[in-house]
Amino acid sequence: MQGNYFARRRMVILKKLMEYLGIDSRRLRMTWISAAEGNKFADVIKTVTKEVKEIGPLQNFRRNNEW
């Protein structure tokens, strides 16, 4: 259970990093699904795939040569 909360905090940080890099944060999603929720898993995958396709290919993001 505690790992879920750590992951949630990391997601917030990762989304901010993505925004900094110019990557649309809608490309990242975290959903809790139990092993018994196969239909929910399939629905989430379909939804995320559809949304990312609508966003389009990753073309422009901030490149920083200082890294």
Protein backbone atom coordinates (compact mmCIF):
# COMPACT_ATOMS: atom_id res chain seq x y z
CA MET A 1 0.00 0.00 0.00
CA GLN A 2 2.80 2.41 0.87
CA GLY A 3 4.42 1.81 -2.51
CA ASN A 4 1.31 3.19 -4.22
CA TYR A 5 1.73 6.48 -2.41
CA PHE A 6 5.41 6.68 -3.31
CA ALA A 7 4.53 6.00 -6.94
CA ARG A 8 1.87 8.70 -6.84
CA ARG A 9 4.39 11.26 -5.62
CA ARG A 10 6.87 10.20 -8.29
CA MET A 11 4.19 10.66 -10.95
CA VAL A 12 3.72 14.29 -9.91
CA ILE A 13 7.45 14.91 -10.22
CA LEU A 14 7.68 13.07 -13.53
CA LYS A 15 4.79 15.09 -15.00
CA LYS A 16 6.54 18.32 -14.01
CA LEU A 17 9.74 17.07 -15.64
CA MET A 18 7.82 16.21 -18.80
CA GLU A 19 6.31 19.71 -18.89
CA TYR A 20 9.79 21.20 -18.46
CA LEU A 21 11.02 19.13 -21.40
CA GLY A 22 8.04 20.18 -23.48
CA ILE A 23 6.45 16.74 -23.56
CA ASP A 24 2.68 16.66 -23.24
CA SER A 25 1.98 15.18 -19.81
CA ARG A 26 -1.18 13.50 -21.17
CA ARG A 27 1.21 10.87 -22.51
CA LEU A 28 1.67 9.57 -18.97
CA ARG A 29 -1.04 8.01 -16.88
CA MET A 30 -1.13 5.93 -13.75
CA THR A 31 -4.13 3.79 -12.90
CA TRP A 32 -4.54 1.28 -10.11
CA ILE A 33 -6.02 -1.95 -11.40
CA SER A 34 -6.18 -5.23 -9.55
CA ALA A 35 -5.31 -8.55 -11.13
CA ALA A 36 -9.02 -9.41 -11.11
CA GLU A 37 -9.94 -6.42 -13.27
CA GLY A 38 -8.97 -7.64 -16.72
CA ASN A 39 -11.77 -5.72 -18.45
CA LYS A 40 -10.78 -2.49 -16.72
CA PHE A 41 -7.17 -3.02 -17.78
CA ALA A 42 -8.22 -3.51 -21.41
CA ASP A 43 -10.40 -0.37 -21.27
CA VAL A 44 -7.59 1.73 -19.83
CA ILE A 45 -5.15 0.53 -22.49
CA LYS A 46 -7.63 1.33 -25.26
CA THR A 47 -8.35 4.78 -23.84
CA VAL A 48 -4.69 5.70 -23.36
CA THR A 49 -3.78 4.43 -26.83
CA LYS A 50 -6.60 6.46 -28.39
CA GLU A 51 -5.62 9.64 -26.52
CA VAL A 52 -1.92 9.35 -27.39
CA LYS A 53 -2.79 8.80 -31.06
CA GLU A 54 -4.95 11.95 -30.93
CA ILE A 55 -2.06 13.91 -29.43
CA GLY A 56 0.12 12.72 -32.30
CA PRO A 57 3.78 11.82 -32.54
CA LEU A 58 6.30 13.37 -30.22
CA GLN A 59 7.90 16.04 -32.36
CA ASN A 60 8.89 19.07 -30.39
CA PHE A 61 10.40 18.86 -27.00
CA ARG A 62 12.96 20.97 -25.24
CA ARG A 63 16.48 19.75 -25.85
CA ASN A 64 19.06 20.92 -23.43
CA ASN A 65 22.68 20.21 -24.35
CA GLU A 66 23.76 20.91 -20.78
CA TRP A 67 22.65 17.44 -19.67
